[in-house]
Amino acid sequence: MKVLEEIIKVERAAWEHTDGTLRVAATLASRRDSTVYAGHFPGNPITPGVCMIGAVVELLSQATGHTLRLAKVNNTKYLAMMTPDDIDGATLAATLDGDTTTATFTKGDTIYAKMKLTLRNS
């Protein structure tokens, strides 16, 4: 499944390479009609954490021009549930330094998730 096609859309994104580090910031919107939300959870849709991780991997793959894969979840904290309404206007900020990625999903003062991942070229 392509998370950025089926669950979360990127409204706009910007990235920069500085001293071997890639920084990406994207503004997000939800795809409310996704079948994922119909099942997770009926009547109370929540964005699955694995889909949030998938969005990070896919966005960084686009920014690098390489297909990246998740090698390891080093640390992930889900601090608030992210509904489709919460995704609209939220920001995904990620940094790729070597094979280590840090990422956060935020909207206003709310932090939905913080992640530290290891990504590798496929």
Protein backbone atom coordinates (compact mmCIF):
# COMPACT_ATOMS: atom_id res chain seq x y z
CA MET A 1 0.00 0.00 0.00
CA LYS A 2 1.21 3.48 -0.84
CA VAL A 3 0.37 5.55 2.22
CA LEU A 4 0.81 8.86 0.41
CA GLU A 5 -1.66 7.78 -2.27
CA GLU A 6 -4.27 6.01 -0.18
CA ILE A 7 -4.39 7.57 3.30
CA ILE A 8 -2.42 10.81 3.56
CA LYS A 9 -1.83 13.38 0.85
CA VAL A 10 0.98 15.89 0.78
CA GLU A 11 -0.40 19.35 0.07
CA ARG A 12 3.06 20.85 -0.23
CA ALA A 13 6.58 19.82 0.69
CA ALA A 14 10.00 21.39 0.81
CA TRP A 15 13.38 19.89 1.48
CA GLU A 16 16.97 20.94 1.76
CA HIS A 17 20.32 19.18 1.85
CA THR A 18 22.87 20.70 4.20
CA ASP A 19 26.19 19.07 5.06
CA GLY A 20 24.91 15.58 4.19
CA THR A 21 21.67 15.97 6.13
CA LEU A 22 18.27 16.06 4.44
CA ARG A 23 15.49 18.05 6.10
CA VAL A 24 11.92 17.72 4.85
CA ALA A 25 8.76 19.55 5.89
CA ALA A 26 5.36 18.69 4.45
CA THR A 27 1.85 19.98 5.02
CA LEU A 28 -0.65 17.13 5.01
CA ALA A 29 -4.30 16.44 4.23
CA SER A 30 -6.34 13.30 4.79
CA ARG A 31 -8.00 10.96 2.35
CA ARG A 32 -11.15 10.41 4.37
CA ASP A 33 -12.54 7.88 1.89
CA SER A 34 -9.66 5.45 2.50
CA THR A 35 -10.75 1.95 3.44
CA VAL A 36 -8.19 2.08 6.25
CA TYR A 37 -10.36 4.56 8.13
CA ALA A 38 -13.44 2.41 7.63
CA GLY A 39 -11.77 -0.36 9.60
CA HIS A 40 -9.58 1.60 12.02
CA PHE A 41 -11.99 2.24 13.75
CA PRO A 42 -15.60 2.27 12.49
CA GLY A 43 -17.28 5.49 13.60
CA ASN A 44 -14.07 6.78 15.20
CA PRO A 45 -11.35 6.82 12.51
CA ILE A 46 -7.76 6.97 13.75
CA THR A 47 -4.62 7.03 11.59
CA PRO A 48 -2.67 3.83 12.26
CA GLY A 49 0.86 4.35 13.55
CA VAL A 50 2.29 2.04 10.91
CA CYS A 51 0.77 4.32 8.25
CA MET A 52 2.45 7.33 9.84
CA ILE A 53 5.80 5.51 9.67
CA GLY A 54 5.05 4.58 6.04
CA ALA A 55 4.38 8.23 5.21
CA VAL A 56 7.82 9.18 6.58
CA VAL A 57 9.56 6.49 4.51
CA GLU A 58 7.68 7.42 1.33
CA LEU A 59 8.22 11.16 1.73
CA LEU A 60 11.96 10.73 2.30
CA SER A 61 12.13 8.35 -0.67
CA GLN A 62 10.61 11.07 -2.85
CA ALA A 63 12.98 13.69 -1.47
CA THR A 64 16.10 11.55 -2.03
CA GLY A 65 15.01 10.09 -5.35
CA HIS A 66 15.86 6.61 -3.97
CA THR A 67 13.61 3.85 -2.76
CA LEU A 68 14.18 3.67 0.98
CA ARG A 69 13.05 0.86 3.24
CA LEU A 70 12.48 0.73 6.95
CA ALA A 71 15.31 -1.25 8.54
CA LYS A 72 14.50 -0.57 12.20
CA VAL A 73 12.13 1.36 14.43
CA ASN A 74 14.50 2.70 17.06
CA ASN A 75 11.97 4.63 19.10
CA THR A 76 8.43 5.77 18.39
CA LYS A 77 6.09 7.64 20.70
CA TYR A 78 2.47 8.23 19.79
CA LEU A 79 1.42 11.16 21.97
CA ALA A 80 -2.08 11.85 20.63
CA MET A 81 -4.54 10.05 18.37
CA MET A 82 -4.56 11.50 14.86
CA THR A 83 -7.98 11.55 13.20
CA PRO A 84 -8.53 12.49 9.55
CA ASP A 85 -9.55 15.98 10.75
CA ASP A 86 -6.25 16.27 12.63
CA ILE A 87 -4.26 15.38 9.50
CA ASP A 88 -5.69 18.33 7.57
CA GLY A 89 -3.11 21.09 7.95
CA ALA A 90 -0.74 18.97 10.04
CA THR A 91 3.01 19.05 9.44
CA LEU A 92 5.35 16.14 8.96
CA ALA A 93 8.94 17.21 9.63
CA ALA A 94 11.72 14.69 9.06
CA THR A 95 15.49 14.70 9.08
CA LEU A 96 17.63 12.04 7.40
CA ASP A 97 21.26 11.96 8.53
CA GLY A 98 23.08 8.94 7.14
CA ASP A 99 20.60 6.14 7.74
CA THR A 100 19.06 7.68 10.87
CA THR A 101 15.75 9.49 10.59
CA THR A 102 13.92 11.57 13.14
CA ALA A 103 10.37 12.65 12.39
CA THR A 104 7.46 14.41 14.05
CA PHE A 105 3.81 14.86 13.18
CA THR A 106 2.42 18.11 14.61
CA LYS A 107 -0.46 20.52 14.25
CA GLY A 108 -0.36 23.75 16.19
CA ASP A 109 0.79 22.92 19.72
CA THR A 110 -0.18 19.24 19.45
CA ILE A 111 2.52 16.65 18.85
CA TYR A 112 0.95 13.45 17.52
CA ALA A 113 4.06 11.33 17.09
CA LYS A 114 7.83 11.41 17.44
CA MET A 115 9.94 8.81 15.67
CA LYS A 116 13.50 7.69 15.34
CA LEU A 117 13.92 5.24 12.48
CA THR A 118 16.71 3.55 10.55
CA LEU A 119 16.19 3.69 6.77
CA ARG A 120 18.27 2.02 4.11
CA ASN A 121 18.34 2.08 0.31
CA SER A 122 16.45 -0.87 -1.19
